[in-house]
Amino acid sequence: MRSLFMEALARRAAAQAGQARRLLDARLAVLMAECGQPGAADGPVAAAPAARPQGALGALARELARGHGEAAPEGAALAQRELHTLRRFRATWTRLSAEERLRQALAQVPPQAGPLNSHHLVHRALVLMRETSPEYLQRFVPYVDALLALDRMQAPPPPAPAPVRSRRAAASRAAVRRSRS
């Protein structure tokens, strides 16, 4: 546990400069001397981080950092344009989808619904939400759709229809019952 603390302290010292760096180096040297680790006099910052090999997650982080830093300027501009276009398309699609779902909800309201009718109340809430905060409505509709899909997945399956029996099969069963009695 102490070695992990010393490694973290060494990384923090490497990121500092000036008086803060000197204080962190001195503290790290004292800790390494207390533990009796070799290299305490050499330069504690160089010894501690390399002491423990990085795992698969560390390798992935290094690879991602390296790939992010090597992006070409024209490639970065193209990626930014694509992301901007994708964001705009997603926003348009979300807005249109929310409007379509709202139209579907409005179509299901009974014409003579009373003030406490659940369809009527939901209709009023959605209309007020659209007028007050259309962005919230756009985020609310997919959430409700997801909840409805989960509800449908958990609903019991409909009962299987009863098999249709022919008159001849029913008559033969009745004859068998009569013969047994």
C-alpha atoms as a PDB file:
ATOM      1  CA  MET A   1       0.000   0.000   0.000  1.00  0.00           C
ATOM      2  CA  ARG A   2       2.845   2.325   0.871  1.00  0.00           C
ATOM      3  CA  SER A   3       4.508   1.695  -2.499  1.00  0.00           C
ATOM      4  CA  LEU A   4       1.336   2.782  -4.295  1.00  0.00           C
ATOM      5  CA  PHE A   5       1.321   5.991  -2.257  1.00  0.00           C
ATOM      6  CA  MET A   6       4.956   6.598  -3.157  1.00  0.00           C
ATOM      7  CA  GLU A   7       4.263   6.000  -6.850  1.00  0.00           C
ATOM      8  CA  ALA A   8       1.373   8.467  -6.769  1.00  0.00           C
ATOM      9  CA  LEU A   9       3.546  10.990  -4.954  1.00  0.00           C
ATOM     10  CA  ALA A  10       6.286  10.529  -7.567  1.00  0.00           C
ATOM     11  CA  ARG A  11       3.801  11.113 -10.421  1.00  0.00           C
ATOM     12  CA  ARG A  12       2.506  14.219  -8.692  1.00  0.00           C
ATOM     13  CA  ALA A  13       6.079  15.489  -8.150  1.00  0.00           C
ATOM     14  CA  ALA A  14       6.888  14.913 -11.834  1.00  0.00           C
ATOM     15  CA  ALA A  15       3.977  17.136 -12.818  1.00  0.00           C
ATOM     16  CA  GLN A  16       5.080  20.012 -10.539  1.00  0.00           C
ATOM     17  CA  ALA A  17       7.831  22.612 -10.837  1.00  0.00           C
ATOM     18  CA  GLY A  18       9.676  24.948  -8.495  1.00  0.00           C
ATOM     19  CA  GLN A  19       9.158  24.875  -4.735  1.00  0.00           C
ATOM     20  CA  ALA A  20       6.262  22.379  -4.913  1.00  0.00           C
ATOM     21  CA  ARG A  21       8.472  19.933  -6.820  1.00  0.00           C
ATOM     22  CA  ARG A  22      11.290  20.260  -4.266  1.00  0.00           C
ATOM     23  CA  LEU A  23       8.914  19.663  -1.335  1.00  0.00           C
ATOM     24  CA  LEU A  24       7.359  16.599  -2.958  1.00  0.00           C
ATOM     25  CA  ASP A  25      10.796  15.195  -3.865  1.00  0.00           C
ATOM     26  CA  ALA A  26      11.999  15.669  -0.283  1.00  0.00           C
ATOM     27  CA  ARG A  27       8.901  13.916   1.117  1.00  0.00           C
ATOM     28  CA  LEU A  28       9.339  11.062  -1.370  1.00  0.00           C
ATOM     29  CA  ALA A  29      13.024  10.682  -0.491  1.00  0.00           C
ATOM     30  CA  VAL A  30      12.132  10.432   3.211  1.00  0.00           C
ATOM     31  CA  LEU A  31       9.482   7.784   2.507  1.00  0.00           C
ATOM     32  CA  MET A  32      11.836   5.743   0.331  1.00  0.00           C
ATOM     33  CA  ALA A  33      14.585   5.940   2.958  1.00  0.00           C
ATOM     34  CA  GLU A  34      12.147   4.752   5.633  1.00  0.00           C
ATOM     35  CA  CYS A  35      11.220   1.750   3.508  1.00  0.00           C
ATOM     36  CA  GLY A  36      14.884   1.051   2.751  1.00  0.00           C
ATOM     37  CA  GLN A  37      14.278   1.055  -0.995  1.00  0.00           C
ATOM     38  CA  PRO A  38      17.317   1.333  -3.230  1.00  0.00           C
ATOM     39  CA  GLY A  39      17.520   4.464  -5.324  1.00  0.00           C
ATOM     40  CA  ALA A  40      16.400   6.800  -2.562  1.00  0.00           C
ATOM     41  CA  ALA A  41      19.493   8.882  -3.093  1.00  0.00           C
ATOM     42  CA  ASP A  42      19.329   8.639  -6.908  1.00  0.00           C
ATOM     43  CA  GLY A  43      16.279  10.595  -7.734  1.00  0.00           C
ATOM     44  CA  PRO A  44      13.054   9.322  -6.344  1.00  0.00           C
ATOM     45  CA  VAL A  45      10.923  10.487  -9.222  1.00  0.00           C
ATOM     46  CA  ALA A  46      12.757   8.373 -11.737  1.00  0.00           C
ATOM     47  CA  ALA A  47      12.657   5.231  -9.602  1.00  0.00           C
ATOM     48  CA  ALA A  48       9.057   5.009  -8.396  1.00  0.00           C
ATOM     49  CA  PRO A  49       6.791   5.135 -11.474  1.00  0.00           C
ATOM     50  CA  ALA A  50       8.748   2.526 -13.395  1.00  0.00           C
ATOM     51  CA  ALA A  51       8.731   0.143 -10.432  1.00  0.00           C
ATOM     52  CA  ARG A  52       5.350  -1.392 -11.310  1.00  0.00           C
ATOM     53  CA  PRO A  53       4.497  -2.513 -14.868  1.00  0.00           C
ATOM     54  CA  GLN A  54       1.304  -1.166 -16.397  1.00  0.00           C
ATOM     55  CA  GLY A  55      -1.536  -3.599 -17.106  1.00  0.00           C
ATOM     56  CA  ALA A  56      -3.831  -3.873 -20.106  1.00  0.00           C
ATOM     57  CA  LEU A  57      -5.817  -0.813 -19.038  1.00  0.00           C
ATOM     58  CA  GLY A  58      -2.654   1.301 -18.822  1.00  0.00           C
ATOM     59  CA  ALA A  59      -1.592   0.108 -22.284  1.00  0.00           C
ATOM     60  CA  LEU A  60      -5.009   1.018 -23.677  1.00  0.00           C
ATOM     61  CA  ALA A  61      -4.833   4.469 -22.099  1.00  0.00           C
ATOM     62  CA  ARG A  62      -1.366   5.055 -23.594  1.00  0.00           C
ATOM     63  CA  GLU A  63      -2.572   3.895 -27.023  1.00  0.00           C
ATOM     64  CA  LEU A  64      -5.612   6.169 -26.923  1.00  0.00           C
ATOM     65  CA  ALA A  65      -3.493   9.124 -25.793  1.00  0.00           C
ATOM     66  CA  ARG A  66      -0.979   8.474 -28.568  1.00  0.00           C
ATOM     67  CA  GLY A  67      -3.694   8.143 -31.232  1.00  0.00           C
ATOM     68  CA  HIS A  68      -5.384  11.332 -30.029  1.00  0.00           C
ATOM     69  CA  GLY A  69      -2.186  13.360 -30.208  1.00  0.00           C
ATOM     70  CA  GLU A  70      -1.247  12.244 -33.746  1.00  0.00           C
ATOM     71  CA  ALA A  71      -4.426  13.443 -35.498  1.00  0.00           C
ATOM     72  CA  ALA A  72      -3.698  15.363 -38.681  1.00  0.00           C
ATOM     73  CA  PRO A  73      -5.035  18.927 -38.799  1.00  0.00           C
ATOM     74  CA  GLU A  74      -7.160  18.310 -41.897  1.00  0.00           C
ATOM     75  CA  GLY A  75      -8.392  15.013 -40.434  1.00  0.00           C
ATOM     76  CA  ALA A  76      -9.359  16.783 -37.233  1.00  0.00           C
ATOM     77  CA  ALA A  77     -11.297  19.433 -39.170  1.00  0.00           C
ATOM     78  CA  LEU A  78     -13.116  16.726 -41.139  1.00  0.00           C
ATOM     79  CA  ALA A  79     -13.948  14.850 -37.926  1.00  0.00           C
ATOM     80  CA  GLN A  80     -15.285  18.065 -36.344  1.00  0.00           C
ATOM     81  CA  ARG A  81     -17.511  18.717 -39.390  1.00  0.00           C
ATOM     82  CA  GLU A  82     -18.799  15.143 -39.271  1.00  0.00           C
ATOM     83  CA  LEU A  83     -19.513  15.409 -35.558  1.00  0.00           C
ATOM     84  CA  HIS A  84     -21.297  18.726 -36.038  1.00  0.00           C
ATOM     85  CA  THR A  85     -23.406  17.273 -38.862  1.00  0.00           C
ATOM     86  CA  LEU A  86     -24.152  14.171 -36.807  1.00  0.00           C
ATOM     87  CA  ARG A  87     -25.217  16.279 -33.806  1.00  0.00           C
ATOM     88  CA  ARG A  88     -27.474  18.394 -36.002  1.00  0.00           C
ATOM     89  CA  PHE A  89     -29.013  15.295 -37.612  1.00  0.00           C
ATOM     90  CA  ARG A  90     -29.563  13.660 -34.213  1.00  0.00           C
ATOM     91  CA  ALA A  91     -31.207  16.820 -32.844  1.00  0.00           C
ATOM     92  CA  THR A  92     -33.505  17.053 -35.879  1.00  0.00           C
ATOM     93  CA  TRP A  93     -34.390  13.364 -35.667  1.00  0.00           C
ATOM     94  CA  THR A  94     -35.127  13.617 -31.943  1.00  0.00           C
ATOM     95  CA  ARG A  95     -37.335  16.682 -32.450  1.00  0.00           C
ATOM     96  CA  LEU A  96     -39.295  15.042 -35.279  1.00  0.00           C
ATOM     97  CA  SER A  97     -39.666  11.808 -33.342  1.00  0.00           C
ATOM     98  CA  ALA A  98     -40.988  13.665 -30.292  1.00  0.00           C
ATOM     99  CA  GLU A  99     -43.467  15.588 -32.443  1.00  0.00           C
ATOM    100  CA  GLU A 100     -44.674  12.349 -34.057  1.00  0.00           C
ATOM    101  CA  ARG A 101     -45.158  10.666 -30.685  1.00  0.00           C
ATOM    102  CA  LEU A 102     -47.037  13.742 -29.452  1.00  0.00           C
ATOM    103  CA  ARG A 103     -49.346  13.571 -32.487  1.00  0.00           C
ATOM    104  CA  GLN A 104     -49.979   9.895 -31.754  1.00  0.00           C
ATOM    105  CA  ALA A 105     -50.833  10.693 -28.148  1.00  0.00           C
ATOM    106  CA  LEU A 106     -53.203  13.468 -29.240  1.00  0.00           C
ATOM    107  CA  ALA A 107     -55.006  11.096 -31.583  1.00  0.00           C
ATOM    108  CA  GLN A 108     -55.833   8.747 -28.693  1.00  0.00           C
ATOM    109  CA  VAL A 109     -57.643  11.343 -26.567  1.00  0.00           C
ATOM    110  CA  PRO A 110     -61.385  10.626 -26.466  1.00  0.00           C
ATOM    111  CA  PRO A 111     -63.487  13.526 -27.769  1.00  0.00           C
ATOM    112  CA  GLN A 112     -65.685  13.753 -24.646  1.00  0.00           C
ATOM    113  CA  ALA A 113     -63.006  13.062 -22.046  1.00  0.00           C
ATOM    114  CA  GLY A 114     -63.680  14.398 -18.584  1.00  0.00           C
ATOM    115  CA  PRO A 115     -61.198  16.538 -16.652  1.00  0.00           C
ATOM    116  CA  LEU A 116     -59.839  13.542 -14.720  1.00  0.00           C
ATOM    117  CA  ASN A 117     -59.532  11.202 -17.702  1.00  0.00           C
ATOM    118  CA  SER A 118     -55.952   9.887 -17.796  1.00  0.00           C
ATOM    119  CA  HIS A 119     -55.594  10.366 -21.576  1.00  0.00           C
ATOM    120  CA  HIS A 120     -56.820  13.919 -21.242  1.00  0.00           C
ATOM    121  CA  LEU A 121     -54.417  14.665 -18.386  1.00  0.00           C
ATOM    122  CA  VAL A 122     -51.449  13.222 -20.271  1.00  0.00           C
ATOM    123  CA  HIS A 123     -52.454  15.214 -23.342  1.00  0.00           C
ATOM    124  CA  ARG A 124     -52.553  18.459 -21.349  1.00  0.00           C
ATOM    125  CA  ALA A 125     -49.204  17.700 -19.701  1.00  0.00           C
ATOM    126  CA  LEU A 126     -47.515  16.997 -23.045  1.00  0.00           C
ATOM    127  CA  VAL A 127     -48.926  20.121 -24.670  1.00  0.00           C
ATOM    128  CA  LEU A 128     -47.776  22.265 -21.745  1.00  0.00           C
ATOM    129  CA  MET A 129     -44.363  20.609 -21.852  1.00  0.00           C
ATOM    130  CA  ARG A 130     -44.067  21.333 -25.582  1.00  0.00           C
ATOM    131  CA  GLU A 131     -44.987  24.970 -25.047  1.00  0.00           C
ATOM    132  CA  THR A 132     -42.818  25.479 -21.964  1.00  0.00           C
ATOM    133  CA  SER A 133     -39.699  23.474 -22.808  1.00  0.00           C
ATOM    134  CA  PRO A 134     -39.518  21.692 -26.166  1.00  0.00           C
ATOM    135  CA  GLU A 135     -35.996  20.456 -25.385  1.00  0.00           C
ATOM    136  CA  TYR A 136     -37.245  18.717 -22.257  1.00  0.00           C
ATOM    137  CA  LEU A 137     -40.049  17.098 -24.262  1.00  0.00           C
ATOM    138  CA  GLN A 138     -37.456  15.811 -26.751  1.00  0.00           C
ATOM    139  CA  ARG A 139     -35.557  14.153 -23.901  1.00  0.00           C
ATOM    140  CA  PHE A 140     -38.698  12.967 -22.101  1.00  0.00           C
ATOM    141  CA  VAL A 141     -40.275  11.103 -25.040  1.00  0.00           C
ATOM    142  CA  PRO A 142     -37.397   8.601 -25.573  1.00  0.00           C
ATOM    143  CA  TYR A 143     -37.342   7.963 -21.832  1.00  0.00           C
ATOM    144  CA  VAL A 144     -41.050   7.118 -21.819  1.00  0.00           C
ATOM    145  CA  ASP A 145     -40.623   4.980 -24.959  1.00  0.00           C
ATOM    146  CA  ALA A 146     -37.900   2.984 -23.207  1.00  0.00           C
ATOM    147  CA  LEU A 147     -40.127   2.482 -20.160  1.00  0.00           C
ATOM    148  CA  LEU A 148     -43.004   1.307 -22.366  1.00  0.00           C
ATOM    149  CA  ALA A 149     -40.715  -1.157 -24.156  1.00  0.00           C
ATOM    150  CA  LEU A 150     -39.544  -2.555 -20.816  1.00  0.00           C
ATOM    151  CA  ASP A 151     -43.155  -2.842 -19.668  1.00  0.00           C
ATOM    152  CA  ARG A 152     -44.089  -4.759 -22.824  1.00  0.00           C
ATOM    153  CA  MET A 153     -41.152  -7.121 -22.323  1.00  0.00           C
ATOM    154  CA  GLN A 154     -42.275  -7.950 -18.780  1.00  0.00           C
ATOM    155  CA  ALA A 155     -45.966  -8.381 -19.612  1.00  0.00           C
ATOM    156  CA  PRO A 156     -47.151 -11.999 -19.614  1.00  0.00           C
ATOM    157  CA  PRO A 157     -47.718 -13.459 -23.076  1.00  0.00           C
ATOM    158  CA  PRO A 158     -51.320 -13.576 -24.281  1.00  0.00           C
ATOM    159  CA  PRO A 159     -53.078 -16.888 -23.682  1.00  0.00           C
ATOM    160  CA  ALA A 160     -52.952 -19.356 -26.527  1.00  0.00           C
ATOM    161  CA  PRO A 161     -56.219 -19.745 -28.426  1.00  0.00           C
ATOM    162  CA  ALA A 162     -58.193 -22.868 -27.631  1.00  0.00           C
ATOM    163  CA  PRO A 163     -57.818 -25.526 -30.280  1.00  0.00           C
ATOM    164  CA  VAL A 164     -60.768 -25.830 -32.629  1.00  0.00           C
ATOM    165  CA  ARG A 165     -62.356 -29.244 -32.301  1.00  0.00           C
ATOM    166  CA  SER A 166     -64.290 -30.808 -35.070  1.00  0.00           C
ATOM    167  CA  ARG A 167     -67.805 -32.158 -34.551  1.00  0.00           C
ATOM    168  CA  ARG A 168     -66.707 -35.660 -35.456  1.00  0.00           C
ATOM    169  CA  ALA A 169     -63.976 -35.672 -32.740  1.00  0.00           C
ATOM    170  CA  ALA A 170     -66.453 -34.312 -30.182  1.00  0.00           C
ATOM    171  CA  ALA A 171     -69.007 -36.986 -31.120  1.00  0.00           C
ATOM    172  CA  SER A 172     -66.456 -39.798 -30.812  1.00  0.00           C
ATOM    173  CA  ARG A 173     -65.362 -38.512 -27.365  1.00  0.00           C
ATOM    174  CA  ALA A 174     -68.980 -38.398 -26.258  1.00  0.00           C
ATOM    175  CA  ALA A 175     -69.470 -41.967 -27.460  1.00  0.00           C
ATOM    176  CA  VAL A 176     -66.398 -43.112 -25.511  1.00  0.00           C
ATOM    177  CA  ARG A 177     -67.739 -41.432 -22.355  1.00  0.00           C
ATOM    178  CA  ARG A 178     -71.139 -43.080 -22.776  1.00  0.00           C
ATOM    179  CA  SER A 179     -69.592 -46.501 -23.238  1.00  0.00           C
ATOM    180  CA  ARG A 180     -67.547 -46.115 -20.020  1.00  0.00           C
ATOM    181  CA  SER A 181     -70.577 -45.237 -17.946  1.00  0.00           C
END
